[in-house]
Amino acid sequence: MNRTEFVIAIAVILFVAFVLGWFASWLVYRFSRVTISDVAELEEMAKSLHDAEEQRDEAITYFQYRETELQTQLTQAQAELAAAMDGLREARHEAGELRKYIEKMNA
């Protein structure tokens, strides 16, 4: 094998390597490219996610407001119950005293 044949063999090998590299690059591009429909789908998904997060935040705010409101109502109901129980205790005490007074007057 003389020098000219060696150079030609190396040139052929390099050309084949170049063609194989170009073909591999084309295959990678072909399978990994992003289409317009994929981008549109991603944008739609991002919009849906953003809307869902806003709804979640609104729901959390509403439930915090509702919890505060219900806590206030519970506190008021407990205060009214305590007042009613005090009034009932007083009424029972008065009724007992009146019953004793009536029994004393009848006896």
PDB file of N, CA and C in Angstrom:
ATOM      1  N   MET A   1       0.854  -1.163   0.000  1.00  0.00           N
ATOM      2  CA  MET A   1       0.000   0.000   0.000  1.00  0.00           C
ATOM      3  C   MET A   1       0.907   1.234   0.000  1.00  0.00           C
ATOM      4  N   ASN A   2       0.800   2.001  -1.063  1.00  0.00           N
ATOM      5  CA  ASN A   2       1.634   3.176  -1.162  1.00  0.00           C
ATOM      6  C   ASN A   2       0.926   4.384  -0.535  1.00  0.00           C
ATOM      7  N   ARG A   3       1.570   5.493  -0.609  1.00  0.00           N
ATOM      8  CA  ARG A   3       1.098   6.698   0.054  1.00  0.00           C
ATOM      9  C   ARG A   3      -0.230   7.180  -0.506  1.00  0.00           C
ATOM     10  N   THR A   4      -0.428   7.143  -1.800  1.00  0.00           N
ATOM     11  CA  THR A   4      -1.656   7.613  -2.447  1.00  0.00           C
ATOM     12  C   THR A   4      -2.837   6.750  -2.027  1.00  0.00           C
ATOM     13  N   GLU A   5      -2.657   5.447  -2.010  1.00  0.00           N
ATOM     14  CA  GLU A   5      -3.755   4.569  -1.585  1.00  0.00           C
ATOM     15  C   GLU A   5      -4.105   4.802  -0.119  1.00  0.00           C
ATOM     16  N   PHE A   6      -3.095   5.030   0.704  1.00  0.00           N
ATOM     17  CA  PHE A   6      -3.325   5.294   2.117  1.00  0.00           C
ATOM     18  C   PHE A   6      -4.133   6.576   2.303  1.00  0.00           C
ATOM     19  N   VAL A   7      -3.810   7.628   1.594  1.00  0.00           N
ATOM     20  CA  VAL A   7      -4.535   8.899   1.684  1.00  0.00           C
ATOM     21  C   VAL A   7      -5.978   8.725   1.217  1.00  0.00           C
ATOM     22  N   ILE A   8      -6.159   7.983   0.135  1.00  0.00           N
ATOM     23  CA  ILE A   8      -7.520   7.743  -0.377  1.00  0.00           C
ATOM     24  C   ILE A   8      -8.326   6.928   0.635  1.00  0.00           C
ATOM     25  N   ALA A   9      -7.728   5.915   1.240  1.00  0.00           N
ATOM     26  CA  ALA A   9      -8.422   5.101   2.248  1.00  0.00           C
ATOM     27  C   ALA A   9      -8.821   5.947   3.445  1.00  0.00           C
ATOM     28  N   ILE A  10      -7.927   6.782   3.913  1.00  0.00           N
ATOM     29  CA  ILE A  10      -8.231   7.669   5.042  1.00  0.00           C
ATOM     30  C   ILE A  10      -9.344   8.639   4.652  1.00  0.00           C
ATOM     31  N   ALA A  11      -9.307   9.180   3.443  1.00  0.00           N
ATOM     32  CA  ALA A  11     -10.342  10.108   2.976  1.00  0.00           C
ATOM     33  C   ALA A  11     -11.693   9.418   2.919  1.00  0.00           C
ATOM     34  N   VAL A  12     -11.734   8.184   2.427  1.00  0.00           N
ATOM     35  CA  VAL A  12     -12.990   7.429   2.361  1.00  0.00           C
ATOM     36  C   VAL A  12     -13.511   7.167   3.778  1.00  0.00           C
ATOM     37  N   ILE A  13     -12.640   6.764   4.695  1.00  0.00           N
ATOM     38  CA  ILE A  13     -13.050   6.505   6.080  1.00  0.00           C
ATOM     39  C   ILE A  13     -13.609   7.778   6.731  1.00  0.00           C
ATOM     40  N   LEU A  14     -12.917   8.892   6.514  1.00  0.00           N
ATOM     41  CA  LEU A  14     -13.388  10.166   7.081  1.00  0.00           C
ATOM     42  C   LEU A  14     -14.719  10.575   6.467  1.00  0.00           C
ATOM     43  N   PHE A  15     -14.898  10.353   5.170  1.00  0.00           N
ATOM     44  CA  PHE A  15     -16.171  10.695   4.529  1.00  0.00           C
ATOM     45  C   PHE A  15     -17.308   9.832   5.074  1.00  0.00           C
ATOM     46  N   VAL A  16     -17.048   8.548   5.234  1.00  0.00           N
ATOM     47  CA  VAL A  16     -18.061   7.651   5.796  1.00  0.00           C
ATOM     48  C   VAL A  16     -18.402   8.083   7.225  1.00  0.00           C
ATOM     49  N   ALA A  17     -17.393   8.433   8.014  1.00  0.00           N
ATOM     50  CA  ALA A  17     -17.635   8.897   9.385  1.00  0.00           C
ATOM     51  C   ALA A  17     -18.468  10.179   9.368  1.00  0.00           C
ATOM     52  N   PHE A  18     -18.155  11.096   8.421  1.00  0.00           N
ATOM     53  CA  PHE A  18     -18.931  12.330   8.304  1.00  0.00           C
ATOM     54  C   PHE A  18     -20.381  12.027   7.955  1.00  0.00           C
ATOM     55  N   VAL A  19     -20.604  11.136   6.985  1.00  0.00           N
ATOM     56  CA  VAL A  19     -21.965  10.786   6.565  1.00  0.00           C
ATOM     57  C   VAL A  19     -22.725  10.134   7.719  1.00  0.00           C
ATOM     58  N   LEU A  20     -22.088   9.220   8.453  1.00  0.00           N
ATOM     59  CA  LEU A  20     -22.732   8.575   9.589  1.00  0.00           C
ATOM     60  C   LEU A  20     -23.063   9.608  10.687  1.00  0.00           C
ATOM     61  N   GLY A  21     -22.165  10.527  10.931  1.00  0.00           N
ATOM     62  CA  GLY A  21     -22.416  11.584  11.927  1.00  0.00           C
ATOM     63  C   GLY A  21     -23.567  12.479  11.512  1.00  0.00           C
ATOM     64  N   TRP A  22     -23.577  12.849  10.234  1.00  0.00           N
ATOM     65  CA  TRP A  22     -24.674  13.687   9.734  1.00  0.00           C
ATOM     66  C   TRP A  22     -25.995  12.941   9.840  1.00  0.00           C
ATOM     67  N   PHE A  23     -26.022  11.659   9.501  1.00  0.00           N
ATOM     68  CA  PHE A  23     -27.243  10.863   9.578  1.00  0.00           C
ATOM     69  C   PHE A  23     -27.716  10.740  11.036  1.00  0.00           C
ATOM     70  N   ALA A  24     -26.791  10.504  11.972  1.00  0.00           N
ATOM     71  CA  ALA A  24     -27.147  10.417  13.388  1.00  0.00           C
ATOM     72  C   ALA A  24     -27.700  11.752  13.881  1.00  0.00           C
ATOM     73  N   SER A  25     -27.093  12.837  13.447  1.00  0.00           N
ATOM     74  CA  SER A  25     -27.579  14.165  13.827  1.00  0.00           C
ATOM     75  C   SER A  25     -28.982  14.407  13.290  1.00  0.00           C
ATOM     76  N   TRP A  26     -29.223  14.012  12.066  1.00  0.00           N
ATOM     77  CA  TRP A  26     -30.555  14.170  11.469  1.00  0.00           C
ATOM     78  C   TRP A  26     -31.590  13.345  12.232  1.00  0.00           C
ATOM     79  N   LEU A  27     -31.237  12.103  12.610  1.00  0.00           N
ATOM     80  CA  LEU A  27     -32.157  11.258  13.372  1.00  0.00           C
ATOM     81  C   LEU A  27     -32.492  11.877  14.733  1.00  0.00           C
ATOM     82  N   VAL A  28     -31.479  12.384  15.420  1.00  0.00           N
ATOM     83  CA  VAL A  28     -31.720  13.009  16.730  1.00  0.00           C
ATOM     84  C   VAL A  28     -32.624  14.227  16.563  1.00  0.00           C
ATOM     85  N   TYR A  29     -32.360  15.043  15.568  1.00  0.00           N
ATOM     86  CA  TYR A  29     -33.208  16.205  15.322  1.00  0.00           C
ATOM     87  C   TYR A  29     -34.630  15.783  14.987  1.00  0.00           C
ATOM     88  N   ARG A  30     -34.767  14.739  14.197  1.00  0.00           N
ATOM     89  CA  ARG A  30     -36.091  14.271  13.750  1.00  0.00           C
ATOM     90  C   ARG A  30     -36.930  13.794  14.927  1.00  0.00           C
ATOM     91  N   PHE A  31     -36.309  13.079  15.855  1.00  0.00           N
ATOM     92  CA  PHE A  31     -37.069  12.525  16.971  1.00  0.00           C
ATOM     93  C   PHE A  31     -37.214  13.482  18.149  1.00  0.00           C
ATOM     94  N   SER A  32     -36.382  14.496  18.235  1.00  0.00           N
ATOM     95  CA  SER A  32     -36.438  15.383  19.397  1.00  0.00           C
ATOM     96  C   SER A  32     -36.967  16.781  19.090  1.00  0.00           C
ATOM     97  N   ARG A  33     -37.385  17.030  17.899  1.00  0.00           N
ATOM     98  CA  ARG A  33     -37.869  18.370  17.568  1.00  0.00           C
ATOM     99  C   ARG A  33     -39.226  18.613  18.217  1.00  0.00           C
ATOM    100  N   VAL A  34     -39.506  19.856  18.505  1.00  0.00           N
ATOM    101  CA  VAL A  34     -40.758  20.259  19.135  1.00  0.00           C
ATOM    102  C   VAL A  34     -41.645  20.856  18.054  1.00  0.00           C
ATOM    103  N   THR A  35     -42.852  20.328  17.953  1.00  0.00           N
ATOM    104  CA  THR A  35     -43.766  20.835  16.937  1.00  0.00           C
ATOM    105  C   THR A  35     -44.595  21.976  17.498  1.00  0.00           C
ATOM    106  N   ILE A  36     -45.252  22.689  16.620  1.00  0.00           N
ATOM    107  CA  ILE A  36     -46.086  23.816  17.023  1.00  0.00           C
ATOM    108  C   ILE A  36     -47.244  23.336  17.889  1.00  0.00           C
ATOM    109  N   SER A  37     -47.782  22.177  17.571  1.00  0.00           N
ATOM    110  CA  SER A  37     -48.896  21.653  18.373  1.00  0.00           C
ATOM    111  C   SER A  37     -48.428  21.304  19.788  1.00  0.00           C
ATOM    112  N   ASP A  38     -47.174  20.830  19.917  1.00  0.00           N
ATOM    113  CA  ASP A  38     -46.634  20.550  21.251  1.00  0.00           C
ATOM    114  C   ASP A  38     -46.495  21.827  22.061  1.00  0.00           C
ATOM    115  N   VAL A  39     -46.018  22.881  21.428  1.00  0.00           N
ATOM    116  CA  VAL A  39     -45.867  24.162  22.112  1.00  0.00           C
ATOM    117  C   VAL A  39     -47.235  24.700  22.516  1.00  0.00           C
ATOM    118  N   ALA A  40     -48.206  24.596  21.641  1.00  0.00           N
ATOM    119  CA  ALA A  40     -49.556  25.062  21.958  1.00  0.00           C
ATOM    120  C   ALA A  40     -50.136  24.259  23.119  1.00  0.00           C
ATOM    121  N   GLU A  41     -49.905  22.958  23.106  1.00  0.00           N
ATOM    122  CA  GLU A  41     -50.397  22.104  24.196  1.00  0.00           C
ATOM    123  C   GLU A  41     -49.731  22.477  25.522  1.00  0.00           C
ATOM    124  N   LEU A  42     -48.429  22.742  25.486  1.00  0.00           N
ATOM    125  CA  LEU A  42     -47.722  23.159  26.701  1.00  0.00           C
ATOM    126  C   LEU A  42     -48.249  24.493  27.220  1.00  0.00           C
ATOM    127  N   GLU A  43     -48.513  25.427  26.312  1.00  0.00           N
ATOM    128  CA  GLU A  43     -49.064  26.720  26.723  1.00  0.00           C
ATOM    129  C   GLU A  43     -50.445  26.554  27.341  1.00  0.00           C
ATOM    130  N   GLU A  44     -51.263  25.690  26.772  1.00  0.00           N
ATOM    131  CA  GLU A  44     -52.600  25.420  27.308  1.00  0.00           C
ATOM    132  C   GLU A  44     -52.504  24.789  28.697  1.00  0.00           C
ATOM    133  N   MET A  45     -51.573  23.855  28.856  1.00  0.00           N
ATOM    134  CA  MET A  45     -51.379  23.226  30.156  1.00  0.00           C
ATOM    135  C   MET A  45     -50.906  24.250  31.190  1.00  0.00           C
ATOM    136  N   ALA A  46     -50.014  25.144  30.789  1.00  0.00           N
ATOM    137  CA  ALA A  46     -49.525  26.176  31.706  1.00  0.00           C
ATOM    138  C   ALA A  46     -50.660  27.106  32.117  1.00  0.00           C
ATOM    139  N   LYS A  47     -51.517  27.459  31.172  1.00  0.00           N
ATOM    140  CA  LYS A  47     -52.664  28.325  31.473  1.00  0.00           C
ATOM    141  C   LYS A  47     -53.626  27.629  32.426  1.00  0.00           C
ATOM    142  N   SER A  48     -53.882  26.347  32.178  1.00  0.00           N
ATOM    143  CA  SER A  48     -54.773  25.579  33.055  1.00  0.00           C
ATOM    144  C   SER A  48     -54.195  25.475  34.461  1.00  0.00           C
ATOM    145  N   LEU A  49     -52.899  25.257  34.546  1.00  0.00           N
ATOM    146  CA  LEU A  49     -52.250  25.185  35.849  1.00  0.00           C
ATOM    147  C   LEU A  49     -52.355  26.517  36.578  1.00  0.00           C
ATOM    148  N   HIS A  50     -52.135  27.600  35.869  1.00  0.00           N
ATOM    149  CA  HIS A  50     -52.235  28.930  36.473  1.00  0.00           C
ATOM    150  C   HIS A  50     -53.657  29.186  36.974  1.00  0.00           C
ATOM    151  N   ASP A  51     -54.651  28.836  36.173  1.00  0.00           N
ATOM    152  CA  ASP A  51     -56.048  29.009  36.591  1.00  0.00           C
ATOM    153  C   ASP A  51     -56.366  28.160  37.822  1.00  0.00           C
ATOM    154  N   ALA A  52     -55.864  26.938  37.839  1.00  0.00           N
ATOM    155  CA  ALA A  52     -56.110  26.053  38.986  1.00  0.00           C
ATOM    156  C   ALA A  52     -55.471  26.611  40.252  1.00  0.00           C
ATOM    157  N   GLU A  53     -54.279  27.177  40.123  1.00  0.00           N
ATOM    158  CA  GLU A  53     -53.620  27.774  41.291  1.00  0.00           C
ATOM    159  C   GLU A  53     -54.396  28.975  41.799  1.00  0.00           C
ATOM    160  N   GLU A  54     -54.924  29.780  40.888  1.00  0.00           N
ATOM    161  CA  GLU A  54     -55.736  30.926  41.308  1.00  0.00           C
ATOM    162  C   GLU A  54     -56.996  30.465  42.024  1.00  0.00           C
ATOM    163  N   GLN A  55     -57.650  29.435  41.498  1.00  0.00           N
ATOM    164  CA  GLN A  55     -58.848  28.910  42.145  1.00  0.00           C
ATOM    165  C   GLN A  55     -58.519  28.351  43.519  1.00  0.00           C
ATOM    166  N   ARG A  56     -57.400  27.672  43.638  1.00  0.00           N
ATOM    167  CA  ARG A  56     -56.981  27.134  44.929  1.00  0.00           C
ATOM    168  C   ARG A  56     -56.754  28.264  45.933  1.00  0.00           C
ATOM    169  N   ASP A  57     -56.075  29.334  45.497  1.00  0.00           N
ATOM    170  CA  ASP A  57     -55.835  30.464  46.384  1.00  0.00           C
ATOM    171  C   ASP A  57     -57.139  31.118  46.812  1.00  0.00           C
ATOM    172  N   GLU A  58     -58.077  31.251  45.875  1.00  0.00           N
ATOM    173  CA  GLU A  58     -59.380  31.827  46.206  1.00  0.00           C
ATOM    174  C   GLU A  58     -60.121  30.938  47.202  1.00  0.00           C
ATOM    175  N   ALA A  59     -60.047  29.632  47.007  1.00  0.00           N
ATOM    176  CA  ALA A  59     -60.722  28.698  47.918  1.00  0.00           C
ATOM    177  C   ALA A  59     -60.110  28.765  49.312  1.00  0.00           C
ATOM    178  N   ILE A  60     -58.800  28.842  49.393  1.00  0.00           N
ATOM    179  CA  ILE A  60     -58.137  28.953  50.692  1.00  0.00           C
ATOM    180  C   ILE A  60     -58.556  30.235  51.391  1.00  0.00           C
ATOM    181  N   THR A  61     -58.592  31.331  50.656  1.00  0.00           N
ATOM    182  CA  THR A  61     -59.002  32.606  51.240  1.00  0.00           C
ATOM    183  C   THR A  61     -60.443  32.533  51.720  1.00  0.00           C
ATOM    184  N   TYR A  62     -61.323  31.935  50.910  1.00  0.00           N
ATOM    185  CA  TYR A  62     -62.731  31.818  51.295  1.00  0.00           C
ATOM    186  C   TYR A  62     -62.877  30.979  52.556  1.00  0.00           C
ATOM    187  N   PHE A  63     -62.161  29.842  52.605  1.00  0.00           N
ATOM    188  CA  PHE A  63     -62.287  28.966  53.767  1.00  0.00           C
ATOM    189  C   PHE A  63     -61.710  29.614  55.022  1.00  0.00           C
ATOM    190  N   GLN A  64     -60.655  30.413  54.895  1.00  0.00           N
ATOM    191  CA  GLN A  64     -60.128  31.129  56.047  1.00  0.00           C
ATOM    192  C   GLN A  64     -61.148  32.154  56.546  1.00  0.00           C
ATOM    193  N   TYR A  65     -61.778  32.872  55.612  1.00  0.00           N
ATOM    194  CA  TYR A  65     -62.806  33.843  55.986  1.00  0.00           C
ATOM    195  C   TYR A  65     -63.978  33.138  56.654  1.00  0.00           C
ATOM    196  N   ARG A  66     -64.405  32.021  56.057  1.00  0.00           N
ATOM    197  CA  ARG A  66     -65.553  31.270  56.598  1.00  0.00           C
ATOM    198  C   ARG A  66     -65.227  30.701  57.977  1.00  0.00           C
ATOM    199  N   GLU A  67     -64.019  30.224  58.174  1.00  0.00           N
ATOM    200  CA  GLU A  67     -63.615  29.695  59.471  1.00  0.00           C
ATOM    201  C   GLU A  67     -63.631  30.795  60.532  1.00  0.00           C
ATOM    202  N   THR A  68     -63.141  31.970  60.185  1.00  0.00           N
ATOM    203  CA  THR A  68     -63.158  33.089  61.121  1.00  0.00           C
ATOM    204  C   THR A  68     -64.593  33.463  61.471  1.00  0.00           C
ATOM    205  N   GLU A  69     -65.447  33.507  60.467  1.00  0.00           N
ATOM    206  CA  GLU A  69     -66.853  33.857  60.684  1.00  0.00           C
ATOM    207  C   GLU A  69     -67.532  32.825  61.593  1.00  0.00           C
ATOM    208  N   LEU A  70     -67.307  31.552  61.335  1.00  0.00           N
ATOM    209  CA  LEU A  70     -67.905  30.498  62.154  1.00  0.00           C
ATOM    210  C   LEU A  70     -67.342  30.507  63.573  1.00  0.00           C
ATOM    211  N   GLN A  71     -66.073  30.821  63.718  1.00  0.00           N
ATOM    212  CA  GLN A  71     -65.476  30.910  65.048  1.00  0.00           C
ATOM    213  C   GLN A  71     -66.126  32.044  65.833  1.00  0.00           C
ATOM    214  N   THR A  72     -66.395  33.156  65.175  1.00  0.00           N
ATOM    215  CA  THR A  72     -67.068  34.280  65.821  1.00  0.00           C
ATOM    216  C   THR A  72     -68.480  33.882  66.236  1.00  0.00           C
ATOM    217  N   GLN A  73     -69.204  33.204  65.356  1.00  0.00           N
ATOM    218  CA  GLN A  73     -70.559  32.755  65.691  1.00  0.00           C
ATOM    219  C   GLN A  73     -70.539  31.779  66.856  1.00  0.00           C
ATOM    220  N   LEU A  74     -69.552  30.878  66.886  1.00  0.00           N
ATOM    221  CA  LEU A  74     -69.438  29.920  67.982  1.00  0.00           C
ATOM    222  C   LEU A  74     -69.180  30.638  69.301  1.00  0.00           C
ATOM    223  N   THR A  75     -68.310  31.619  69.283  1.00  0.00           N
ATOM    224  CA  THR A  75     -68.020  32.385  70.493  1.00  0.00           C
ATOM    225  C   THR A  75     -69.270  33.108  70.986  1.00  0.00           C
ATOM    226  N   GLN A  76     -70.016  33.703  70.055  1.00  0.00           N
ATOM    227  CA  GLN A  76     -71.260  34.390  70.425  1.00  0.00           C
ATOM    228  C   GLN A  76     -72.273  33.398  70.989  1.00  0.00           C
ATOM    229  N   ALA A  77     -72.395  32.230  70.373  1.00  0.00           N
ATOM    230  CA  ALA A  77     -73.344  31.226  70.851  1.00  0.00           C
ATOM    231  C   ALA A  77     -72.954  30.737  72.245  1.00  0.00           C
ATOM    232  N   GLN A  78     -71.664  30.558  72.477  1.00  0.00           N
ATOM    233  CA  GLN A  78     -71.216  30.134  73.804  1.00  0.00           C
ATOM    234  C   GLN A  78     -71.496  31.210  74.851  1.00  0.00           C
ATOM    235  N   ALA A  79     -71.307  32.471  74.479  1.00  0.00           N
ATOM    236  CA  ALA A  79     -71.612  33.564  75.410  1.00  0.00           C
ATOM    237  C   ALA A  79     -73.104  33.614  75.704  1.00  0.00           C
ATOM    238  N   GLU A  80     -73.938  33.447  74.676  1.00  0.00           N
ATOM    239  CA  GLU A  80     -75.384  33.440  74.882  1.00  0.00           C
ATOM    240  C   GLU A  80     -75.808  32.253  75.738  1.00  0.00           C
ATOM    241  N   LEU A  81     -75.193  31.087  75.524  1.00  0.00           N
ATOM    242  CA  LEU A  81     -75.492  29.904  76.324  1.00  0.00           C
ATOM    243  C   LEU A  81     -75.126  30.141  77.784  1.00  0.00           C
ATOM    244  N   ALA A  82     -73.962  30.720  78.021  1.00  0.00           N
ATOM    245  CA  ALA A  82     -73.547  31.009  79.397  1.00  0.00           C
ATOM    246  C   ALA A  82     -74.531  31.975  80.054  1.00  0.00           C
ATOM    247  N   ALA A  83     -74.956  33.003  79.307  1.00  0.00           N
ATOM    248  CA  ALA A  83     -75.922  33.965  79.858  1.00  0.00           C
ATOM    249  C   ALA A  83     -77.254  33.282  80.141  1.00  0.00           C
ATOM    250  N   ALA A  84     -77.707  32.415  79.244  1.00  0.00           N
ATOM    251  CA  ALA A  84     -78.973  31.708  79.444  1.00  0.00           C
ATOM    252  C   ALA A  84     -78.879  30.771  80.644  1.00  0.00           C
ATOM    253  N   MET A  85     -77.745  30.091  80.798  1.00  0.00           N
ATOM    254  CA  MET A  85     -77.568  29.198  81.945  1.00  0.00           C
ATOM    255  C   MET A  85     -77.563  29.986  83.253  1.00  0.00           C
ATOM    256  N   ASP A  86     -76.927  31.163  83.255  1.00  0.00           N
ATOM    257  CA  ASP A  86     -76.951  32.011  84.455  1.00  0.00           C
ATOM    258  C   ASP A  86     -78.369  32.461  84.770  1.00  0.00           C
ATOM    259  N   GLY A  87     -79.102  32.857  83.746  1.00  0.00           N
ATOM    260  CA  GLY A  87     -80.498  33.275  83.943  1.00  0.00           C
ATOM    261  C   GLY A  87     -81.350  32.123  84.466  1.00  0.00           C
ATOM    262  N   LEU A  88     -81.162  30.931  83.931  1.00  0.00           N
ATOM    263  CA  LEU A  88     -81.908  29.760  84.381  1.00  0.00           C
ATOM    264  C   LEU A  88     -81.572  29.421  85.831  1.00  0.00           C
ATOM    265  N   ARG A  89     -80.311  29.520  86.167  1.00  0.00           N
ATOM    266  CA  ARG A  89     -79.888  29.261  87.551  1.00  0.00           C
ATOM    267  C   ARG A  89     -80.562  30.245  88.503  1.00  0.00           C
ATOM    268  N   GLU A  90     -80.575  31.512  88.105  1.00  0.00           N
ATOM    269  CA  GLU A  90     -81.230  32.542  88.923  1.00  0.00           C
ATOM    270  C   GLU A  90     -82.726  32.271  89.050  1.00  0.00           C
ATOM    271  N   ALA A  91     -83.360  31.879  87.918  1.00  0.00           N
ATOM    272  CA  ALA A  91     -84.803  31.611  87.943  1.00  0.00           C
ATOM    273  C   ALA A  91     -85.101  30.410  88.838  1.00  0.00           C
ATOM    274  N   ARG A  92     -84.288  29.382  88.798  1.00  0.00           N
ATOM    275  CA  ARG A  92     -84.498  28.218  89.662  1.00  0.00           C
ATOM    276  C   ARG A  92     -84.329  28.592  91.133  1.00  0.00           C
ATOM    277  N   HIS A  93     -83.333  29.405  91.381  1.00  0.00           N
ATOM    278  CA  HIS A  93     -83.105  29.841  92.756  1.00  0.00           C
ATOM    279  C   HIS A  93     -84.303  30.650  93.258  1.00  0.00           C
ATOM    280  N   GLU A  94     -84.779  31.566  92.418  1.00  0.00           N
ATOM    281  CA  GLU A  94     -85.955  32.361  92.784  1.00  0.00           C
ATOM    282  C   GLU A  94     -87.177  31.477  92.975  1.00  0.00           C
ATOM    283  N   ALA A  95     -87.389  30.516  92.080  1.00  0.00           N
ATOM    284  CA  ALA A  95     -88.531  29.614  92.187  1.00  0.00           C
ATOM    285  C   ALA A  95     -88.457  28.813  93.478  1.00  0.00           C
ATOM    286  N   GLY A  96     -87.275  28.374  93.837  1.00  0.00           N
ATOM    287  CA  GLY A  96     -87.098  27.649  95.093  1.00  0.00           C
ATOM    288  C   GLY A  96     -87.431  28.512  96.285  1.00  0.00           C
ATOM    289  N   GLU A  97     -86.973  29.757  96.256  1.00  0.00           N
ATOM    290  CA  GLU A  97     -87.269  30.676  97.361  1.00  0.00           C
ATOM    291  C   GLU A  97     -88.764  30.961  97.442  1.00  0.00           C
ATOM    292  N   LEU A  98     -89.404  31.158  96.278  1.00  0.00           N
ATOM    293  CA  LEU A  98     -90.853  31.411  96.276  1.00  0.00           C
ATOM    294  C   LEU A  98     -91.611  30.181  96.778  1.00  0.00           C
ATOM    295  N   ARG A  99     -91.188  28.995  96.396  1.00  0.00           N
ATOM    296  CA  ARG A  99     -91.831  27.759  96.840  1.00  0.00           C
ATOM    297  C   ARG A  99     -91.738  27.647  98.371  1.00  0.00           C
ATOM    298  N   LYS A 100     -90.531  27.953  98.917  1.00  0.00           N
ATOM    299  CA  LYS A 100     -90.367  27.919 100.371  1.00  0.00           C
ATOM    300  C   LYS A 100     -91.254  28.966 101.056  1.00  0.00           C
ATOM    301  N   TYR A 101     -91.328  30.130 100.436  1.00  0.00           N
ATOM    302  CA  TYR A 101     -92.135  31.212 101.021  1.00  0.00           C
ATOM    303  C   TYR A 101     -93.616  30.813 101.021  1.00  0.00           C
ATOM    304  N   ILE A 102     -94.088  30.207  99.896  1.00  0.00           N
ATOM    305  CA  ILE A 102     -95.493  29.782  99.812  1.00  0.00           C
ATOM    306  C   ILE A 102     -95.778  28.666 100.817  1.00  0.00           C
ATOM    307  N   GLU A 103     -94.861  27.700 100.932  1.00  0.00           N
ATOM    308  CA  GLU A 103     -95.047  26.632 101.893  1.00  0.00           C
ATOM    309  C   GLU A 103     -95.078  27.173 103.305  1.00  0.00           C
ATOM    310  N   LYS A 104     -94.240  28.171 103.564  1.00  0.00           N
ATOM    311  CA  LYS A 104     -94.179  28.776 104.903  1.00  0.00           C
ATOM    312  C   LYS A 104     -95.474  29.529 105.195  1.00  0.00           C
ATOM    313  N   MET A 105     -96.035  30.208 104.183  1.00  0.00           N
ATOM    314  CA  MET A 105     -97.263  30.963 104.375  1.00  0.00           C
ATOM    315  C   MET A 105     -98.457  30.027 104.512  1.00  0.00           C
ATOM    316  N   ASN A 106     -98.456  28.896 103.848  1.00  0.00           N
ATOM    317  CA  ASN A 106     -99.564  27.930 103.926  1.00  0.00           C
ATOM    318  C   ASN A 106     -99.499  27.101 105.204  1.00  0.00           C
ATOM    319  N   ALA A 107     -98.363  26.993 105.759  1.00  0.00           N
ATOM    320  CA  ALA A 107     -98.243  26.142 106.949  1.00  0.00           C
ATOM    321  C   ALA A 107     -98.616  26.842 108.221  1.00  0.00           C
TER     322      ALA A 107
END
